Amino acid sequence: MKINTITSFTVHDSGGWTRISATYSQVDENGKVLIDNDRFNIVVVDEDAKDAIKTINDLLLTKIPEQEE
């Protein structure tokens, strides 16, 4: 059995497409690391995924710290 985990991801617009770049690691059932922080990219075409990205983006916009002038 192999267990995958997403270790990081970022969303960005590129050439009119929404893309997700992510890294993942994989271990076996004994905890031995098989893959460590490998990278992949996808173009987001699923509307539910686009909605989820918008939800996270909207949340993050409310969390931007106030800056003193």
PDB file of N, CA and C in Angstrom:
ATOM      1  N   MET A   1       0.838  -1.183   0.000  1.00  0.00           N
ATOM      2  CA  MET A   1       0.000   0.000   0.000  1.00  0.00           C
ATOM      3  C   MET A   1       0.883   1.246   0.000  1.00  0.00           C
ATOM      4  N   LYS A   2       0.513   2.214  -0.807  1.00  0.00           N
ATOM      5  CA  LYS A   2       1.221   3.485  -0.871  1.00  0.00           C
ATOM      6  C   LYS A   2       0.286   4.584  -0.381  1.00  0.00           C
ATOM      7  N   ILE A   3       0.831   5.492   0.426  1.00  0.00           N
ATOM      8  CA  ILE A   3       0.055   6.596   0.975  1.00  0.00           C
ATOM      9  C   ILE A   3       0.616   7.903   0.419  1.00  0.00           C
ATOM     10  N   ASN A   4      -0.248   8.692  -0.226  1.00  0.00           N
ATOM     11  CA  ASN A   4       0.147   9.994  -0.774  1.00  0.00           C
ATOM     12  C   ASN A   4      -0.331  11.107   0.139  1.00  0.00           C
ATOM     13  N   THR A   5       0.445  12.179   0.198  1.00  0.00           N
ATOM     14  CA  THR A   5       0.028  13.378   0.899  1.00  0.00           C
ATOM     15  C   THR A   5       0.471  14.601   0.110  1.00  0.00           C
ATOM     16  N   ILE A   6      -0.405  15.582   0.027  1.00  0.00           N
ATOM     17  CA  ILE A   6      -0.045  16.857  -0.611  1.00  0.00           C
ATOM     18  C   ILE A   6       0.754  17.664   0.400  1.00  0.00           C
ATOM     19  N   THR A   7       1.952  18.101   0.007  1.00  0.00           N
ATOM     20  CA  THR A   7       2.814  18.843   0.926  1.00  0.00           C
ATOM     21  C   THR A   7       2.719  20.349   0.730  1.00  0.00           C
ATOM     22  N   SER A   8       2.276  20.785  -0.437  1.00  0.00           N
ATOM     23  CA  SER A   8       2.020  22.210  -0.665  1.00  0.00           C
ATOM     24  C   SER A   8       1.289  22.374  -1.992  1.00  0.00           C
ATOM     25  N   PHE A   9       0.594  23.506  -2.120  1.00  0.00           N
ATOM     26  CA  PHE A   9       0.020  23.830  -3.422  1.00  0.00           C
ATOM     27  C   PHE A   9      -0.179  25.331  -3.532  1.00  0.00           C
ATOM     28  N   THR A  10      -0.219  25.796  -4.763  1.00  0.00           N
ATOM     29  CA  THR A  10      -0.477  27.200  -5.049  1.00  0.00           C
ATOM     30  C   THR A  10      -1.356  27.273  -6.284  1.00  0.00           C
ATOM     31  N   VAL A  11      -2.181  28.300  -6.339  1.00  0.00           N
ATOM     32  CA  VAL A  11      -3.083  28.512  -7.469  1.00  0.00           C
ATOM     33  C   VAL A  11      -2.640  29.779  -8.187  1.00  0.00           C
ATOM     34  N   HIS A  12      -2.604  29.731  -9.499  1.00  0.00           N
ATOM     35  CA  HIS A  12      -2.233  30.925 -10.252  1.00  0.00           C
ATOM     36  C   HIS A  12      -2.918  30.922 -11.611  1.00  0.00           C
ATOM     37  N   ASP A  13      -3.105  32.118 -12.149  1.00  0.00           N
ATOM     38  CA  ASP A  13      -3.657  32.265 -13.495  1.00  0.00           C
ATOM     39  C   ASP A  13      -2.500  32.366 -14.469  1.00  0.00           C
ATOM     40  N   SER A  14      -2.601  31.624 -15.550  1.00  0.00           N
ATOM     41  CA  SER A  14      -1.529  31.577 -16.534  1.00  0.00           C
ATOM     42  C   SER A  14      -2.133  31.469 -17.929  1.00  0.00           C
ATOM     43  N   GLY A  15      -1.980  32.508 -18.703  1.00  0.00           N
ATOM     44  CA  GLY A  15      -2.459  32.465 -20.080  1.00  0.00           C
ATOM     45  C   GLY A  15      -3.953  32.246 -20.193  1.00  0.00           C
ATOM     46  N   GLY A  16      -4.718  32.778 -19.238  1.00  0.00           N
ATOM     47  CA  GLY A  16      -6.160  32.622 -19.276  1.00  0.00           C
ATOM     48  C   GLY A  16      -6.677  31.354 -18.615  1.00  0.00           C
ATOM     49  N   TRP A  17      -5.777  30.527 -18.116  1.00  0.00           N
ATOM     50  CA  TRP A  17      -6.149  29.284 -17.435  1.00  0.00           C
ATOM     51  C   TRP A  17      -5.863  29.413 -15.951  1.00  0.00           C
ATOM     52  N   THR A  18      -6.658  28.742 -15.141  1.00  0.00           N
ATOM     53  CA  THR A  18      -6.349  28.619 -13.723  1.00  0.00           C
ATOM     54  C   THR A  18      -5.580  27.321 -13.552  1.00  0.00           C
ATOM     55  N   ARG A  19      -4.417  27.436 -12.924  1.00  0.00           N
ATOM     56  CA  ARG A  19      -3.557  26.270 -12.733  1.00  0.00           C
ATOM     57  C   ARG A  19      -3.302  26.059 -11.245  1.00  0.00           C
ATOM     58  N   ILE A  20      -3.123  24.807 -10.879  1.00  0.00           N
ATOM     59  CA  ILE A  20      -2.666  24.461  -9.542  1.00  0.00           C
ATOM     60  C   ILE A  20      -1.323  23.763  -9.687  1.00  0.00           C
ATOM     61  N   SER A  21      -0.328  24.293  -8.982  1.00  0.00           N
ATOM     62  CA  SER A  21       0.969  23.635  -8.877  1.00  0.00           C
ATOM     63  C   SER A  21       1.023  23.030  -7.477  1.00  0.00           C
ATOM     64  N   ALA A  22       1.427  21.783  -7.398  1.00  0.00           N
ATOM     65  CA  ALA A  22       1.437  21.105  -6.101  1.00  0.00           C
ATOM     66  C   ALA A  22       2.666  20.221  -5.974  1.00  0.00           C
ATOM     67  N   THR A  23       3.003  19.931  -4.719  1.00  0.00           N
ATOM     68  CA  THR A  23       4.027  18.935  -4.428  1.00  0.00           C
ATOM     69  C   THR A  23       3.391  17.873  -3.542  1.00  0.00           C
ATOM     70  N   TYR A  24       3.916  16.669  -3.650  1.00  0.00           N
ATOM     71  CA  TYR A  24       3.395  15.567  -2.836  1.00  0.00           C
ATOM     72  C   TYR A  24       4.534  14.660  -2.411  1.00  0.00           C
ATOM     73  N   SER A  25       4.263  13.915  -1.358  1.00  0.00           N
ATOM     74  CA  SER A  25       5.180  12.874  -0.904  1.00  0.00           C
ATOM     75  C   SER A  25       4.400  11.571  -0.835  1.00  0.00           C
ATOM     76  N   GLN A  26       5.145  10.474  -0.899  1.00  0.00           N
ATOM     77  CA  GLN A  26       4.521   9.149  -0.856  1.00  0.00           C
ATOM     78  C   GLN A  26       5.356   8.245   0.056  1.00  0.00           C
ATOM     79  N   VAL A  27       4.644   7.526   0.938  1.00  0.00           N
ATOM     80  CA  VAL A  27       5.311   6.552   1.799  1.00  0.00           C
ATOM     81  C   VAL A  27       4.639   5.195   1.620  1.00  0.00           C
ATOM     82  N   ASP A  28       5.371   4.131   1.999  1.00  0.00           N
ATOM     83  CA  ASP A  28       4.751   2.808   1.964  1.00  0.00           C
ATOM     84  C   ASP A  28       4.139   2.503   3.327  1.00  0.00           C
ATOM     85  N   GLU A  29       3.580   1.319   3.472  1.00  0.00           N
ATOM     86  CA  GLU A  29       2.874   0.969   4.710  1.00  0.00           C
ATOM     87  C   GLU A  29       3.791   0.895   5.930  1.00  0.00           C
ATOM     88  N   ASN A  30       5.105   0.851   5.701  1.00  0.00           N
ATOM     89  CA  ASN A  30       6.074   0.830   6.802  1.00  0.00           C
ATOM     90  C   ASN A  30       6.611   2.221   7.123  1.00  0.00           C
ATOM     91  N   GLY A  31       6.142   3.230   6.408  1.00  0.00           N
ATOM     92  CA  GLY A  31       6.606   4.596   6.639  1.00  0.00           C
ATOM     93  C   GLY A  31       7.863   4.961   5.867  1.00  0.00           C
ATOM     94  N   LYS A  32       8.318   4.070   4.997  1.00  0.00           N
ATOM     95  CA  LYS A  32       9.493   4.373   4.175  1.00  0.00           C
ATOM     96  C   LYS A  32       9.092   5.376   3.090  1.00  0.00           C
ATOM     97  N   VAL A  33       9.863   6.462   2.983  1.00  0.00           N
ATOM     98  CA  VAL A  33       9.580   7.493   1.982  1.00  0.00           C
ATOM     99  C   VAL A  33       9.940   6.952   0.605  1.00  0.00           C
ATOM    100  N   LEU A  34       8.946   6.939  -0.280  1.00  0.00           N
ATOM    101  CA  LEU A  34       9.159   6.483  -1.655  1.00  0.00           C
ATOM    102  C   LEU A  34       9.374   7.666  -2.589  1.00  0.00           C
ATOM    103  N   ILE A  35       8.615   8.736  -2.365  1.00  0.00           N
ATOM    104  CA  ILE A  35       8.718   9.952  -3.158  1.00  0.00           C
ATOM    105  C   ILE A  35       8.647  11.118  -2.177  1.00  0.00           C
ATOM    106  N   ASP A  36       9.541  12.090  -2.324  1.00  0.00           N
ATOM    107  CA  ASP A  36       9.574  13.211  -1.393  1.00  0.00           C
ATOM    108  C   ASP A  36       9.480  14.539  -2.143  1.00  0.00           C
ATOM    109  N   ASN A  37       8.388  15.238  -1.920  1.00  0.00           N
ATOM    110  CA  ASN A  37       8.170  16.569  -2.485  1.00  0.00           C
ATOM    111  C   ASN A  37       8.327  16.626  -4.001  1.00  0.00           C
ATOM    112  N   ASP A  38       7.721  15.681  -4.685  1.00  0.00           N
ATOM    113  CA  ASP A  38       7.698  15.711  -6.146  1.00  0.00           C
ATOM    114  C   ASP A  38       6.632  16.704  -6.585  1.00  0.00           C
ATOM    115  N   ARG A  39       6.809  17.318  -7.733  1.00  0.00           N
ATOM    116  CA  ARG A  39       5.932  18.390  -8.191  1.00  0.00           C
ATOM    117  C   ARG A  39       5.088  17.955  -9.372  1.00  0.00           C
ATOM    118  N   PHE A  40       3.851  18.519  -9.432  1.00  0.00           N
ATOM    119  CA  PHE A  40       3.006  18.349 -10.608  1.00  0.00           C
ATOM    120  C   PHE A  40       2.117  19.574 -10.769  1.00  0.00           C
ATOM    121  N   ASN A  41       1.554  19.748 -11.954  1.00  0.00           N
ATOM    122  CA  ASN A  41       0.687  20.880 -12.275  1.00  0.00           C
ATOM    123  C   ASN A  41      -0.564  20.368 -12.970  1.00  0.00           C
ATOM    124  N   ILE A  42      -1.682  21.063 -12.719  1.00  0.00           N
ATOM    125  CA  ILE A  42      -2.916  20.741 -13.430  1.00  0.00           C
ATOM    126  C   ILE A  42      -3.588  22.038 -13.864  1.00  0.00           C
ATOM    127  N   VAL A  43      -4.347  21.965 -14.933  1.00  0.00           N
ATOM    128  CA  VAL A  43      -5.232  23.057 -15.347  1.00  0.00           C
ATOM    129  C   VAL A  43      -6.601  22.740 -14.760  1.00  0.00           C
ATOM    130  N   VAL A  44      -7.189  23.721 -14.066  1.00  0.00           N
ATOM    131  CA  VAL A  44      -8.476  23.502 -13.406  1.00  0.00           C
ATOM    132  C   VAL A  44      -9.598  23.738 -14.417  1.00  0.00           C
ATOM    133  N   VAL A  45     -10.379  22.701 -14.686  1.00  0.00           N
ATOM    134  CA  VAL A  45     -11.520  22.809 -15.598  1.00  0.00           C
ATOM    135  C   VAL A  45     -12.840  22.494 -14.893  1.00  0.00           C
ATOM    136  N   ASP A  46     -12.759  21.856 -13.736  1.00  0.00           N
ATOM    137  CA  ASP A  46     -13.943  21.473 -12.974  1.00  0.00           C
ATOM    138  C   ASP A  46     -14.527  22.693 -12.249  1.00  0.00           C
ATOM    139  N   GLU A  47     -15.818  22.951 -12.451  1.00  0.00           N
ATOM    140  CA  GLU A  47     -16.455  24.132 -11.848  1.00  0.00           C
ATOM    141  C   GLU A  47     -16.476  24.061 -10.328  1.00  0.00           C
ATOM    142  N   ASP A  48     -16.642  22.866  -9.757  1.00  0.00           N
ATOM    143  CA  ASP A  48     -16.608  22.742  -8.297  1.00  0.00           C
ATOM    144  C   ASP A  48     -15.234  23.116  -7.751  1.00  0.00           C
ATOM    145  N   ALA A  49     -14.189  22.714  -8.450  1.00  0.00           N
ATOM    146  CA  ALA A  49     -12.828  23.071  -8.029  1.00  0.00           C
ATOM    147  C   ALA A  49     -12.618  24.579  -8.143  1.00  0.00           C
ATOM    148  N   LYS A  50     -13.126  25.181  -9.208  1.00  0.00           N
ATOM    149  CA  LYS A  50     -13.011  26.637  -9.354  1.00  0.00           C
ATOM    150  C   LYS A  50     -13.739  27.357  -8.228  1.00  0.00           C
ATOM    151  N   ASP A  51     -14.908  26.849  -7.849  1.00  0.00           N
ATOM    152  CA  ASP A  51     -15.656  27.438  -6.735  1.00  0.00           C
ATOM    153  C   ASP A  51     -14.882  27.302  -5.419  1.00  0.00           C
ATOM    154  N   ALA A  52     -14.260  26.156  -5.219  1.00  0.00           N
ATOM    155  CA  ALA A  52     -13.471  25.940  -4.004  1.00  0.00           C
ATOM    156  C   ALA A  52     -12.290  26.903  -3.949  1.00  0.00           C
ATOM    157  N   ILE A  53     -11.627  27.115  -5.077  1.00  0.00           N
ATOM    158  CA  ILE A  53     -10.511  28.057  -5.148  1.00  0.00           C
ATOM    159  C   ILE A  53     -10.998  29.461  -4.810  1.00  0.00           C
ATOM    160  N   LYS A  54     -12.147  29.853  -5.349  1.00  0.00           N
ATOM    161  CA  LYS A  54     -12.703  31.176  -5.056  1.00  0.00           C
ATOM    162  C   LYS A  54     -13.016  31.316  -3.575  1.00  0.00           C
ATOM    163  N   THR A  55     -13.564  30.270  -2.961  1.00  0.00           N
ATOM    164  CA  THR A  55     -13.878  30.300  -1.535  1.00  0.00           C
ATOM    165  C   THR A  55     -12.619  30.521  -0.703  1.00  0.00           C
ATOM    166  N   ILE A  56     -11.561  29.805  -1.015  1.00  0.00           N
ATOM    167  CA  ILE A  56     -10.302  29.967  -0.280  1.00  0.00           C
ATOM    168  C   ILE A  56      -9.733  31.361  -0.516  1.00  0.00           C
ATOM    169  N   ASN A  57      -9.754  31.832  -1.761  1.00  0.00           N
ATOM    170  CA  ASN A  57      -9.242  33.165  -2.075  1.00  0.00           C
ATOM    171  C   ASN A  57     -10.015  34.242  -1.311  1.00  0.00           C
ATOM    172  N   ASP A  58     -11.345  34.137  -1.293  1.00  0.00           N
ATOM    173  CA  ASP A  58     -12.172  35.105  -0.573  1.00  0.00           C
ATOM    174  C   ASP A  58     -11.851  35.096   0.920  1.00  0.00           C
ATOM    175  N   LEU A  59     -11.650  33.913   1.502  1.00  0.00           N
ATOM    176  CA  LEU A  59     -11.281  33.818   2.908  1.00  0.00           C
ATOM    177  C   LEU A  59      -9.945  34.496   3.165  1.00  0.00           C
ATOM    178  N   LEU A  60      -8.963  34.213   2.330  1.00  0.00           N
ATOM    179  CA  LEU A  60      -7.638  34.792   2.515  1.00  0.00           C
ATOM    180  C   LEU A  60      -7.664  36.314   2.416  1.00  0.00           C
ATOM    181  N   LEU A  61      -8.496  36.839   1.541  1.00  0.00           N
ATOM    182  CA  LEU A  61      -8.603  38.293   1.427  1.00  0.00           C
ATOM    183  C   LEU A  61      -9.080  38.932   2.731  1.00  0.00           C
ATOM    184  N   THR A  62      -9.895  38.216   3.506  1.00  0.00           N
ATOM    185  CA  THR A  62     -10.367  38.757   4.787  1.00  0.00           C
ATOM    186  C   THR A  62      -9.309  38.639   5.874  1.00  0.00           C
ATOM    187  N   LYS A  63      -8.239  37.894   5.640  1.00  0.00           N
ATOM    188  CA  LYS A  63      -7.209  37.648   6.651  1.00  0.00           C
ATOM    189  C   LYS A  63      -5.935  38.468   6.447  1.00  0.00           C
ATOM    190  N   ILE A  64      -5.925  39.309   5.416  1.00  0.00           N
ATOM    191  CA  ILE A  64      -4.728  40.128   5.168  1.00  0.00           C
ATOM    192  C   ILE A  64      -4.553  41.093   6.345  1.00  0.00           C
ATOM    193  N   PRO A  65      -3.376  41.074   6.983  1.00  0.00           N
ATOM    194  CA  PRO A  65      -3.151  41.953   8.137  1.00  0.00           C
ATOM    195  C   PRO A  65      -3.183  43.430   7.734  1.00  0.00           C
ATOM    196  N   GLU A  66      -3.675  44.244   8.645  1.00  0.00           N
ATOM    197  CA  GLU A  66      -3.665  45.697   8.427  1.00  0.00           C
ATOM    198  C   GLU A  66      -2.229  46.188   8.534  1.00  0.00           C
ATOM    199  N   GLN A  67      -1.853  47.071   7.631  1.00  0.00           N
ATOM    200  CA  GLN A  67      -0.517  47.651   7.634  1.00  0.00           C
ATOM    201  C   GLN A  67      -0.572  49.076   8.193  1.00  0.00           C
ATOM    202  N   GLU A  68       0.375  49.387   9.061  1.00  0.00           N
ATOM    203  CA  GLU A  68       0.467  50.746   9.579  1.00  0.00           C
ATOM    204  C   GLU A  68       1.115  51.621   8.523  1.00  0.00           C
ATOM    205  N   GLU A  69       0.610  52.845   8.431  1.00  0.00           N
ATOM    206  CA  GLU A  69       1.192  53.777   7.434  1.00  0.00           C
ATOM    207  C   GLU A  69       2.263  54.604   8.038  1.00  0.00           C
TER     208      GLU A  69
END
